[in-house]
PDB file of N, CA and C in Angstrom:
ATOM      1  N   MET A   1      40.746 -95.556-141.315  1.00  0.00           N
ATOM      2  CA  MET A   1      41.303 -94.473-141.065  1.00  0.00           C
ATOM      3  C   MET A   1      43.208 -94.565-140.955  1.00  0.00           C
ATOM      4  N   ALA A   2      43.377 -93.781-141.916  1.00  0.00           N
ATOM      5  CA  ALA A   2      44.874 -93.688-142.340  1.00  0.00           C
ATOM      6  C   ALA A   2      45.640 -92.884-141.191  1.00  0.00           C
ATOM      7  N   ILE A   3      46.754 -93.008-140.734  1.00  0.00           N
ATOM      8  CA  ILE A   3      47.197 -91.644-140.055  1.00  0.00           C
ATOM      9  C   ILE A   3      48.082 -90.872-140.827  1.00  0.00           C
ATOM     10  N   ILE A   4      47.606 -89.388-140.900  1.00  0.00           N
ATOM     11  CA  ILE A   4      48.489 -88.669-141.739  1.00  0.00           C
ATOM     12  C   ILE A   4      49.571 -87.998-141.247  1.00  0.00           C
ATOM     13  N   ARG A   5      49.674 -87.881-139.987  1.00  0.00           N
ATOM     14  CA  ARG A   5      50.641 -87.326-139.251  1.00  0.00           C
ATOM     15  C   ARG A   5      50.843 -87.976-137.637  1.00  0.00           C
ATOM     16  N   VAL A   6      52.314 -87.912-137.300  1.00  0.00           N
ATOM     17  CA  VAL A   6      52.364 -88.383-136.144  1.00  0.00           C
ATOM     18  C   VAL A   6      53.588 -87.774-134.995  1.00  0.00           C
ATOM     19  N   GLY A   7      53.418 -87.066-134.037  1.00  0.00           N
ATOM     20  CA  GLY A   7      53.897 -86.373-133.205  1.00  0.00           C
ATOM     21  C   GLY A   7      54.716 -87.227-132.179  1.00  0.00           C
ATOM     22  N   ILE A   8      55.963 -86.852-131.923  1.00  0.00           N
ATOM     23  CA  ILE A   8      56.289 -87.874-130.816  1.00  0.00           C
ATOM     24  C   ILE A   8      57.160 -86.879-130.040  1.00  0.00           C
ATOM     25  N   ASP A   9      56.570 -87.034-128.669  1.00  0.00           N
ATOM     26  CA  ASP A   9      57.493 -86.337-127.712  1.00  0.00           C
ATOM     27  C   ASP A   9      58.969 -87.291-126.899  1.00  0.00           C
ATOM     28  N   THR A  10      60.064 -87.031-127.068  1.00  0.00           N
ATOM     29  CA  THR A  10      60.910 -87.778-126.739  1.00  0.00           C
ATOM     30  C   THR A  10      61.395 -87.529-125.264  1.00  0.00           C
ATOM     31  N   SER A  11      61.833 -88.665-124.517  1.00  0.00           N
ATOM     32  CA  SER A  11      62.130 -88.248-123.184  1.00  0.00           C
ATOM     33  C   SER A  11      63.550 -89.177-123.050  1.00  0.00           C
ATOM     34  N   LYS A  12      64.225 -89.697-122.081  1.00  0.00           N
ATOM     35  CA  LYS A  12      65.159 -90.787-121.872  1.00  0.00           C
ATOM     36  C   LYS A  12      64.343 -91.921-122.072  1.00  0.00           C
ATOM     37  N   HIS A  13      63.388 -92.490-121.889  1.00  0.00           N
ATOM     38  CA  HIS A  13      63.306 -93.858-121.316  1.00  0.00           C
ATOM     39  C   HIS A  13      61.792 -93.908-122.379  1.00  0.00           C
ATOM     40  N   VAL A  14      61.090 -93.230-122.047  1.00  0.00           N
ATOM     41  CA  VAL A  14      59.408 -93.314-122.699  1.00  0.00           C
ATOM     42  C   VAL A  14      59.281 -92.363-123.351  1.00  0.00           C
ATOM     43  N   PHE A  15      58.664 -92.826-124.683  1.00  0.00           N
ATOM     44  CA  PHE A  15      58.347 -91.606-125.793  1.00  0.00           C
ATOM     45  C   PHE A  15      56.949 -91.830-125.996  1.00  0.00           C
ATOM     46  N   GLN A  16      55.885 -90.640-126.190  1.00  0.00           N
ATOM     47  CA  GLN A  16      54.861 -90.659-126.158  1.00  0.00           C
ATOM     48  C   GLN A  16      54.537 -90.091-127.561  1.00  0.00           C
ATOM     49  N   LEU A  17      53.603 -90.961-128.155  1.00  0.00           N
ATOM     50  CA  LEU A  17      53.320 -90.867-129.707  1.00  0.00           C
ATOM     51  C   LEU A  17      51.582 -90.369-129.880  1.00  0.00           C
ATOM     52  N   HIS A  18      51.681 -89.528-130.770  1.00  0.00           N
ATOM     53  CA  HIS A  18      50.164 -88.703-130.912  1.00  0.00           C
ATOM     54  C   HIS A  18      50.007 -88.892-132.786  1.00  0.00           C
ATOM     55  N   GLY A  19      48.947 -89.362-133.191  1.00  0.00           N
ATOM     56  CA  GLY A  19      48.604 -89.769-134.445  1.00  0.00           C
ATOM     57  C   GLY A  19      47.173 -89.079-135.091  1.00  0.00           C
ATOM     58  N   VAL A  20      47.258 -88.552-135.874  1.00  0.00           N
ATOM     59  CA  VAL A  20      45.991 -87.670-136.227  1.00  0.00           C
ATOM     60  C   VAL A  20      45.610 -88.481-137.809  1.00  0.00           C
ATOM     61  N   ASP A  21      44.564 -88.611-137.808  1.00  0.00           N
ATOM     62  CA  ASP A  21      43.864 -88.806-139.307  1.00  0.00           C
ATOM     63  C   ASP A  21      43.639 -87.638-140.123  1.00  0.00           C
ATOM     64  N   GLU A  22      43.113 -87.761-141.164  1.00  0.00           N
ATOM     65  CA  GLU A  22      42.439 -86.473-142.352  1.00  0.00           C
ATOM     66  C   GLU A  22      41.790 -85.659-141.678  1.00  0.00           C
ATOM     67  N   GLY A  23      40.872 -85.772-140.822  1.00  0.00           N
ATOM     68  CA  GLY A  23      39.662 -84.977-139.860  1.00  0.00           C
ATOM     69  C   GLY A  23      40.441 -84.602-138.855  1.00  0.00           C
ATOM     70  N   GLU A  24      41.930 -84.622-138.599  1.00  0.00           N
ATOM     71  CA  GLU A  24      42.401 -84.108-137.473  1.00  0.00           C
ATOM     72  C   GLU A  24      42.340 -84.744-136.061  1.00  0.00           C
ATOM     73  N   ARG A  25      41.806 -85.757-136.415  1.00  0.00           N
ATOM     74  CA  ARG A  25      41.144 -86.684-135.088  1.00  0.00           C
ATOM     75  C   ARG A  25      42.166 -87.512-134.523  1.00  0.00           C
ATOM     76  N   PRO A  26      42.303 -87.413-133.152  1.00  0.00           N
ATOM     77  CA  PRO A  26      43.328 -88.436-133.095  1.00  0.00           C
ATOM     78  C   PRO A  26      43.264 -89.910-132.926  1.00  0.00           C
ATOM     79  N   VAL A  27      43.892 -90.688-133.522  1.00  0.00           N
ATOM     80  CA  VAL A  27      43.633 -92.323-133.930  1.00  0.00           C
ATOM     81  C   VAL A  27      44.876 -92.970-133.108  1.00  0.00           C
ATOM     82  N   LEU A  28      46.019 -92.195-132.666  1.00  0.00           N
ATOM     83  CA  LEU A  28      46.949 -92.751-132.140  1.00  0.00           C
ATOM     84  C   LEU A  28      47.530 -92.088-130.887  1.00  0.00           C
ATOM     85  N   ARG A  29      47.070 -92.862-129.806  1.00  0.00           N
ATOM     86  CA  ARG A  29      47.625 -92.320-128.681  1.00  0.00           C
ATOM     87  C   ARG A  29      48.672 -93.300-127.707  1.00  0.00           C
ATOM     88  N   ARG A  30      50.018 -93.360-127.777  1.00  0.00           N
ATOM     89  CA  ARG A  30      50.262 -94.657-127.135  1.00  0.00           C
ATOM     90  C   ARG A  30      51.795 -93.978-126.795  1.00  0.00           C
ATOM     91  N   GLN A  31      52.050 -94.653-125.511  1.00  0.00           N
ATOM     92  CA  GLN A  31      53.685 -94.837-124.564  1.00  0.00           C
ATOM     93  C   GLN A  31      54.243 -95.668-125.236  1.00  0.00           C
ATOM     94  N   VAL A  32      55.451 -95.715-125.574  1.00  0.00           N
ATOM     95  CA  VAL A  32      56.217 -96.575-125.980  1.00  0.00           C
ATOM     96  C   VAL A  32      57.851 -96.460-125.504  1.00  0.00           C
ATOM     97  N   ARG A  33      58.279 -97.600-124.877  1.00  0.00           N
ATOM     98  CA  ARG A  33      59.799 -97.328-124.457  1.00  0.00           C
ATOM     99  C   ARG A  33      60.483 -97.399-125.651  1.00  0.00           C
ATOM    100  N   ARG A  34      61.779 -96.807-125.360  1.00  0.00           N
ATOM    101  CA  ARG A  34      62.748 -96.499-126.304  1.00  0.00           C
ATOM    102  C   ARG A  34      63.043 -97.746-127.236  1.00  0.00           C
ATOM    103  N   GLY A  35      63.350 -99.091-126.776  1.00  0.00           N
ATOM    104  CA  GLY A  35      63.430-100.126-127.515  1.00  0.00           C
ATOM    105  C   GLY A  35      62.528-100.636-128.454  1.00  0.00           C
ATOM    106  N   GLU A  36      61.346-100.317-128.497  1.00  0.00           N
ATOM    107  CA  GLU A  36      60.111-100.371-129.097  1.00  0.00           C
ATOM    108  C   GLU A  36      59.524 -99.442-130.117  1.00  0.00           C
ATOM    109  N   LEU A  37      60.262 -98.403-130.305  1.00  0.00           N
ATOM    110  CA  LEU A  37      59.926 -96.900-131.180  1.00  0.00           C
ATOM    111  C   LEU A  37      59.740 -97.879-132.553  1.00  0.00           C
ATOM    112  N   LEU A  38      60.958 -98.193-132.868  1.00  0.00           N
ATOM    113  CA  LEU A  38      61.221 -98.330-134.425  1.00  0.00           C
ATOM    114  C   LEU A  38      60.281-100.056-134.782  1.00  0.00           C
ATOM    115  N   THR A  39      59.940-100.765-133.588  1.00  0.00           N
ATOM    116  CA  THR A  39      58.886-101.903-133.941  1.00  0.00           C
ATOM    117  C   THR A  39      57.782-101.292-134.013  1.00  0.00           C
ATOM    118  N   VAL A  40      57.122-100.197-133.699  1.00  0.00           N
ATOM    119  CA  VAL A  40      55.956 -99.606-133.693  1.00  0.00           C
ATOM    120  C   VAL A  40      56.117 -98.962-134.908  1.00  0.00           C
ATOM    121  N   PHE A  41      56.622 -98.048-135.121  1.00  0.00           N
ATOM    122  CA  PHE A  41      56.631 -97.371-136.636  1.00  0.00           C
ATOM    123  C   PHE A  41      56.850 -98.652-137.899  1.00  0.00           C
ATOM    124  N   ALA A  42      57.374 -99.723-137.762  1.00  0.00           N
ATOM    125  CA  ALA A  42      57.578-100.730-138.805  1.00  0.00           C
ATOM    126  C   ALA A  42      56.657-101.348-139.357  1.00  0.00           C
ATOM    127  N   THR A  43      55.736-101.119-138.045  1.00  0.00           N
ATOM    128  CA  THR A  43      53.959-101.702-138.648  1.00  0.00           C
ATOM    129  C   THR A  43      53.243-100.452-139.133  1.00  0.00           C
ATOM    130  N   LEU A  44      53.461 -99.281-139.109  1.00  0.00           N
ATOM    131  CA  LEU A  44      53.016 -98.187-139.661  1.00  0.00           C
ATOM    132  C   LEU A  44      52.907 -98.104-141.067  1.00  0.00           C
ATOM    133  N   ALA A  45      51.871 -97.418-142.136  1.00  0.00           N
ATOM    134  CA  ALA A  45      52.397 -97.288-142.957  1.00  0.00           C
ATOM    135  C   ALA A  45      52.904 -95.708-143.486  1.00  0.00           C
ATOM    136  N   PRO A  46      53.726 -95.530-143.952  1.00  0.00           N
ATOM    137  CA  PRO A  46      54.787 -94.482-144.338  1.00  0.00           C
ATOM    138  C   PRO A  46      53.920 -92.868-144.079  1.00  0.00           C
ATOM    139  N   THR A  47      54.388 -92.332-143.182  1.00  0.00           N
ATOM    140  CA  THR A  47      53.602 -91.173-143.067  1.00  0.00           C
ATOM    141  C   THR A  47      54.351 -90.091-142.348  1.00  0.00           C
ATOM    142  N   ARG A  48      54.159 -89.042-142.081  1.00  0.00           N
ATOM    143  CA  ARG A  48      54.996 -87.881-141.812  1.00  0.00           C
ATOM    144  C   ARG A  48      55.089 -87.793-139.988  1.00  0.00           C
ATOM    145  N   VAL A  49      56.097 -87.585-139.608  1.00  0.00           N
ATOM    146  CA  VAL A  49      56.491 -87.672-138.295  1.00  0.00           C
ATOM    147  C   VAL A  49      57.191 -86.677-137.936  1.00  0.00           C
ATOM    148  N   GLY A  50      56.755 -85.980-136.845  1.00  0.00           N
ATOM    149  CA  GLY A  50      57.244 -84.532-136.427  1.00  0.00           C
ATOM    150  C   GLY A  50      57.963 -84.856-135.133  1.00  0.00           C
ATOM    151  N   LEU A  51      59.264 -84.556-135.084  1.00  0.00           N
ATOM    152  CA  LEU A  51      60.118 -84.671-133.721  1.00  0.00           C
ATOM    153  C   LEU A  51      60.421 -83.255-132.989  1.00  0.00           C
ATOM    154  N   GLU A  52      60.601 -82.820-131.807  1.00  0.00           N
ATOM    155  CA  GLU A  52      61.101 -81.646-131.497  1.00  0.00           C
ATOM    156  C   GLU A  52      62.961 -81.730-131.637  1.00  0.00           C
ATOM    157  N   ALA A  53      63.582 -80.809-132.411  1.00  0.00           N
ATOM    158  CA  ALA A  53      64.673 -80.970-132.600  1.00  0.00           C
ATOM    159  C   ALA A  53      65.267 -81.155-131.116  1.00  0.00           C
ATOM    160  N   CYS A  54      66.400 -81.774-130.776  1.00  0.00           N
ATOM    161  CA  CYS A  54      67.097 -82.020-129.736  1.00  0.00           C
ATOM    162  C   CYS A  54      68.289 -82.717-130.145  1.00  0.00           C
ATOM    163  N   GLY A  55      69.057 -82.984-129.001  1.00  0.00           N
ATOM    164  CA  GLY A  55      70.342 -83.920-129.342  1.00  0.00           C
ATOM    165  C   GLY A  55      70.277 -85.257-129.882  1.00  0.00           C
ATOM    166  N   ALA A  56      69.177 -86.053-129.641  1.00  0.00           N
ATOM    167  CA  ALA A  56      68.942 -87.522-129.942  1.00  0.00           C
ATOM    168  C   ALA A  56      67.757 -87.681-131.132  1.00  0.00           C
ATOM    169  N   SER A  57      67.392 -86.350-131.666  1.00  0.00           N
ATOM    170  CA  SER A  57      66.497 -86.372-132.549  1.00  0.00           C
ATOM    171  C   SER A  57      66.964 -86.554-134.014  1.00  0.00           C
ATOM    172  N   HIS A  58      68.206 -86.132-134.144  1.00  0.00           N
ATOM    173  CA  HIS A  58      68.635 -86.725-135.056  1.00  0.00           C
ATOM    174  C   HIS A  58      68.776 -88.194-135.545  1.00  0.00           C
ATOM    175  N   HIS A  59      69.332 -88.781-134.305  1.00  0.00           N
ATOM    176  CA  HIS A  59      69.517 -90.027-134.425  1.00  0.00           C
ATOM    177  C   HIS A  59      68.170 -90.967-134.946  1.00  0.00           C
ATOM    178  N   TRP A  60      67.008 -90.575-134.245  1.00  0.00           N
ATOM    179  CA  TRP A  60      65.795 -90.800-134.423  1.00  0.00           C
ATOM    180  C   TRP A  60      65.201 -90.616-135.827  1.00  0.00           C
ATOM    181  N   ALA A  61      65.520 -89.347-136.408  1.00  0.00           N
ATOM    182  CA  ALA A  61      65.035 -88.999-137.881  1.00  0.00           C
ATOM    183  C   ALA A  61      65.530 -89.924-138.712  1.00  0.00           C
ATOM    184  N   ARG A  62      66.816 -90.068-138.807  1.00  0.00           N
ATOM    185  CA  ARG A  62      67.447 -91.339-139.925  1.00  0.00           C
ATOM    186  C   ARG A  62      66.973 -92.705-139.841  1.00  0.00           C
ATOM    187  N   ALA A  63      66.534 -93.292-138.475  1.00  0.00           N
ATOM    188  CA  ALA A  63      66.051 -94.460-138.389  1.00  0.00           C
ATOM    189  C   ALA A  63      65.018 -94.315-138.567  1.00  0.00           C
ATOM    190  N   LEU A  64      63.636 -93.573-138.466  1.00  0.00           N
ATOM    191  CA  LEU A  64      62.334 -93.366-139.144  1.00  0.00           C
ATOM    192  C   LEU A  64      62.352 -93.344-140.650  1.00  0.00           C
ATOM    193  N   ALA A  65      63.456 -92.465-141.043  1.00  0.00           N
ATOM    194  CA  ALA A  65      63.684 -91.857-142.522  1.00  0.00           C
ATOM    195  C   ALA A  65      63.662 -93.813-143.147  1.00  0.00           C
ATOM    196  N   ARG A  66      64.797 -94.385-142.787  1.00  0.00           N
ATOM    197  CA  ARG A  66      64.993 -95.594-143.438  1.00  0.00           C
ATOM    198  C   ARG A  66      63.855 -96.528-143.327  1.00  0.00           C
ATOM    199  N   LEU A  67      62.637 -96.546-142.446  1.00  0.00           N
ATOM    200  CA  LEU A  67      61.623 -96.949-142.354  1.00  0.00           C
ATOM    201  C   LEU A  67      60.746 -96.522-143.613  1.00  0.00           C
ATOM    202  N   GLY A  68      60.830 -95.425-144.248  1.00  0.00           N
ATOM    203  CA  GLY A  68      60.173 -95.022-145.270  1.00  0.00           C
ATOM    204  C   GLY A  68      59.233 -93.682-144.330  1.00  0.00           C
ATOM    205  N   HIS A  69      59.303 -93.504-143.543  1.00  0.00           N
ATOM    206  CA  HIS A  69      58.628 -91.961-142.971  1.00  0.00           C
ATOM    207  C   HIS A  69      59.100 -90.888-143.520  1.00  0.00           C
ATOM    208  N   ALA A  70      58.257 -89.834-143.496  1.00  0.00           N
ATOM    209  CA  ALA A  70      58.872 -88.123-143.781  1.00  0.00           C
ATOM    210  C   ALA A  70      59.015 -87.668-142.708  1.00  0.00           C
ATOM    211  N   VAL A  71      60.224 -87.544-142.149  1.00  0.00           N
ATOM    212  CA  VAL A  71      60.515 -86.699-140.732  1.00  0.00           C
ATOM    213  C   VAL A  71      60.837 -85.015-140.609  1.00  0.00           C
ATOM    214  N   VAL A  72      60.182 -84.550-139.658  1.00  0.00           N
ATOM    215  CA  VAL A  72      60.168 -83.322-139.968  1.00  0.00           C
ATOM    216  C   VAL A  72      60.747 -83.068-138.248  1.00  0.00           C
ATOM    217  N   LEU A  73      62.074 -82.196-138.444  1.00  0.00           N
ATOM    218  CA  LEU A  73      62.293 -81.927-136.903  1.00  0.00           C
ATOM    219  C   LEU A  73      61.966 -80.189-136.858  1.00  0.00           C
ATOM    220  N   LEU A  74      61.280 -80.108-135.899  1.00  0.00           N
ATOM    221  CA  LEU A  74      60.867 -78.868-135.878  1.00  0.00           C
ATOM    222  C   LEU A  74      61.589 -78.318-134.248  1.00  0.00           C
ATOM    223  N   PRO A  75      62.011 -76.904-134.572  1.00  0.00           N
ATOM    224  CA  PRO A  75      62.737 -76.021-133.752  1.00  0.00           C
ATOM    225  C   PRO A  75      61.848 -75.988-132.478  1.00  0.00           C
ATOM    226  N   PRO A  76      62.428 -76.228-131.283  1.00  0.00           N
ATOM    227  CA  PRO A  76      61.694 -76.001-129.765  1.00  0.00           C
ATOM    228  C   PRO A  76      60.643 -74.796-129.923  1.00  0.00           C
ATOM    229  N   GLN A  77      60.814 -73.865-130.699  1.00  0.00           N
ATOM    230  CA  GLN A  77      59.783 -72.685-129.867  1.00  0.00           C
ATOM    231  C   GLN A  77      58.742 -72.731-130.957  1.00  0.00           C
ATOM    232  N   TYR A  78      58.933 -73.783-131.966  1.00  0.00           N
ATOM    233  CA  TYR A  78      57.728 -73.780-132.713  1.00  0.00           C
ATOM    234  C   TYR A  78      56.453 -75.043-132.152  1.00  0.00           C
ATOM    235  N   VAL A  79      57.050 -75.819-131.061  1.00  0.00           N
ATOM    236  CA  VAL A  79      56.345 -76.897-130.608  1.00  0.00           C
ATOM    237  C   VAL A  79      55.516 -76.053-129.026  1.00  0.00           C
ATOM    238  N   LYS A  80      54.385 -75.949-129.366  1.00  0.00           N
ATOM    239  CA  LYS A  80      53.871 -75.073-128.181  1.00  0.00           C
ATOM    240  C   LYS A  80      53.351 -76.182-127.347  1.00  0.00           C
ATOM    241  N   PRO A  81      54.056 -75.679-125.848  1.00  0.00           N
ATOM    242  CA  PRO A  81      53.588 -76.515-124.557  1.00  0.00           C
ATOM    243  C   PRO A  81      52.393 -76.269-124.105  1.00  0.00           C
ATOM    244  N   PRO A  82      51.848 -77.198-123.673  1.00  0.00           N
ATOM    245  CA  PRO A  82      50.556 -77.568-123.067  1.00  0.00           C
ATOM    246  C   PRO A  82      50.043 -76.425-121.990  1.00  0.00           C
ATOM    247  N   ALA A  83      49.021 -75.581-122.450  1.00  0.00           N
ATOM    248  CA  ALA A  83      48.300 -74.512-121.698  1.00  0.00           C
ATOM    249  C   ALA A  83      47.350 -74.699-120.887  1.00  0.00           C
ATOM    250  N   PHE A  84      47.163 -75.863-120.495  1.00  0.00           N
ATOM    251  CA  PHE A  84      46.350 -75.925-119.419  1.00  0.00           C
ATOM    252  C   PHE A  84      46.456 -76.794-117.953  1.00  0.00           C
ATOM    253  N   ALA A  85      45.991 -76.549-117.143  1.00  0.00           N
ATOM    254  CA  ALA A  85      45.853 -77.172-115.811  1.00  0.00           C
ATOM    255  C   ALA A  85      46.601 -78.778-115.690  1.00  0.00           C
ATOM    256  N   GLY A  86      47.504 -79.387-115.232  1.00  0.00           N
ATOM    257  CA  GLY A  86      47.579 -80.731-115.086  1.00  0.00           C
ATOM    258  C   GLY A  86      48.348 -81.338-116.269  1.00  0.00           C
ATOM    259  N   ALA A  87      48.715 -80.456-117.407  1.00  0.00           N
ATOM    260  CA  ALA A  87      48.970 -81.361-118.554  1.00  0.00           C
ATOM    261  C   ALA A  87      50.497 -81.427-118.507  1.00  0.00           C
ATOM    262  N   GLY A  88      50.871 -82.818-118.896  1.00  0.00           N
ATOM    263  CA  GLY A  88      51.825 -83.285-118.883  1.00  0.00           C
ATOM    264  C   GLY A  88      52.354 -83.875-119.946  1.00  0.00           C
ATOM    265  N   PHE A  89      53.315 -85.138-119.780  1.00  0.00           N
ATOM    266  CA  PHE A  89      53.957 -85.582-120.830  1.00  0.00           C
ATOM    267  C   PHE A  89      53.144 -85.954-122.123  1.00  0.00           C
ATOM    268  N   THR A  90      51.787 -86.519-121.781  1.00  0.00           N
ATOM    269  CA  THR A  90      51.123 -87.038-122.799  1.00  0.00           C
ATOM    270  C   THR A  90      50.474 -85.695-123.763  1.00  0.00           C
ATOM    271  N   SER A  91      50.181 -84.715-122.906  1.00  0.00           N
ATOM    272  CA  SER A  91      49.565 -83.737-123.974  1.00  0.00           C
ATOM    273  C   SER A  91      50.569 -82.673-124.410  1.00  0.00           C
ATOM    274  N   SER A  92      51.807 -83.045-124.207  1.00  0.00           N
ATOM    275  CA  SER A  92      52.844 -82.523-125.235  1.00  0.00           C
ATOM    276  C   SER A  92      53.219 -83.187-126.021  1.00  0.00           C
ATOM    277  N   ALA A  93      52.667 -84.095-126.543  1.00  0.00           N
ATOM    278  CA  ALA A  93      52.890 -85.118-127.814  1.00  0.00           C
ATOM    279  C   ALA A  93      51.879 -84.518-128.811  1.00  0.00           C
ATOM    280  N   ALA A  94      50.805 -84.034-127.876  1.00  0.00           N
ATOM    281  CA  ALA A  94      49.401 -83.858-129.084  1.00  0.00           C
ATOM    282  C   ALA A  94      49.764 -82.370-129.740  1.00  0.00           C
ATOM    283  N   SER A  95      50.715 -81.729-128.937  1.00  0.00           N
ATOM    284  CA  SER A  95      51.054 -80.206-129.627  1.00  0.00           C
ATOM    285  C   SER A  95      52.198 -80.306-130.632  1.00  0.00           C
ATOM    286  N   THR A  96      52.898 -81.741-130.801  1.00  0.00           N
ATOM    287  CA  THR A  96      53.739 -81.396-131.797  1.00  0.00           C
ATOM    288  C   THR A  96      53.345 -81.446-133.056  1.00  0.00           C
ATOM    289  N   PRO A  97      52.079 -82.639-133.552  1.00  0.00           N
ATOM    290  CA  PRO A  97      52.122 -82.506-134.846  1.00  0.00           C
ATOM    291  C   PRO A  97      51.237 -81.125-135.653  1.00  0.00           C
ATOM    292  N   ARG A  98      50.807 -80.110-135.166  1.00  0.00           N
ATOM    293  CA  ARG A  98      50.238 -78.914-135.385  1.00  0.00           C
ATOM    294  C   ARG A  98      51.100 -78.269-136.164  1.00  0.00           C
ATOM    295  N   PRO A  99      52.252 -77.701-135.977  1.00  0.00           N
ATOM    296  CA  PRO A  99      52.943 -76.705-136.418  1.00  0.00           C
ATOM    297  C   PRO A  99      53.456 -77.442-137.816  1.00  0.00           C
ATOM    298  N   MET A 100      53.362 -78.951-138.084  1.00  0.00           N
ATOM    299  CA  MET A 100      53.826 -79.556-139.259  1.00  0.00           C
ATOM    300  C   MET A 100      53.430 -79.081-140.619  1.00  0.00           C
ATOM    301  N   PRO A 101      52.013 -79.195-140.854  1.00  0.00           N
ATOM    302  CA  PRO A 101      51.649 -78.599-141.870  1.00  0.00           C
ATOM    303  C   PRO A 101      52.062 -77.308-142.540  1.00  0.00           C
ATOM    304  N   LYS A 102      52.423 -76.591-141.660  1.00  0.00           N
ATOM    305  CA  LYS A 102      52.432 -75.022-142.215  1.00  0.00           C
ATOM    306  C   LYS A 102      54.014 -74.782-142.421  1.00  0.00           C
ATOM    307  N   ARG A 103      54.216 -74.256-143.458  1.00  0.00           N
ATOM    308  CA  ARG A 103      55.729 -73.789-143.931  1.00  0.00           C
ATOM    309  C   ARG A 103      56.290 -72.606-143.592  1.00  0.00           C
ATOM    310  N   SER A 104      57.362 -72.812-143.065  1.00  0.00           N
ATOM    311  CA  SER A 104      58.371 -71.604-142.157  1.00  0.00           C
ATOM    312  C   SER A 104      58.340 -70.282-143.105  1.00  0.00           C
ATOM    313  N   ALA A 105      57.860 -69.399-142.536  1.00  0.00           N
ATOM    314  CA  ALA A 105      58.374 -68.015-143.368  1.00  0.00           C
ATOM    315  C   ALA A 105      59.705 -68.207-143.825  1.00  0.00           C
ATOM    316  N   ARG A 106      60.478 -68.466-143.300  1.00  0.00           N
ATOM    317  CA  ARG A 106      62.062 -68.329-143.667  1.00  0.00           C
ATOM    318  C   ARG A 106      62.360 -69.207-144.850  1.00  0.00           C
ATOM    319  N   ARG A 107      61.571 -69.904-145.296  1.00  0.00           N
ATOM    320  CA  ARG A 107      61.819 -70.778-146.572  1.00  0.00           C
ATOM    321  C   ARG A 107      61.765 -70.330-147.468  1.00  0.00           C
TER     322      ARG A 107
END
């Protein structure tokens, strides 16, 4: 099962990863600390990575691109927050890969 897309929900210390395969089934759900992020992505095959555009996302985009991943920075309005009760940090990362395959109407 190859991971085709990974969404990252960033925060100060802990990042949530959510990866899907060709059938859009979740195959990677993991919390990693800031210092472990590049180590985890170094073990993955090059794939598309979605990040919500924020202050530090450009730093992470450059670092992940050096590892061979194709990074997509998504505007905050395109990252849909979870719409169900009890949703938190974990489910926010799951919403990040969804807008990635669609091309923007502005391009």
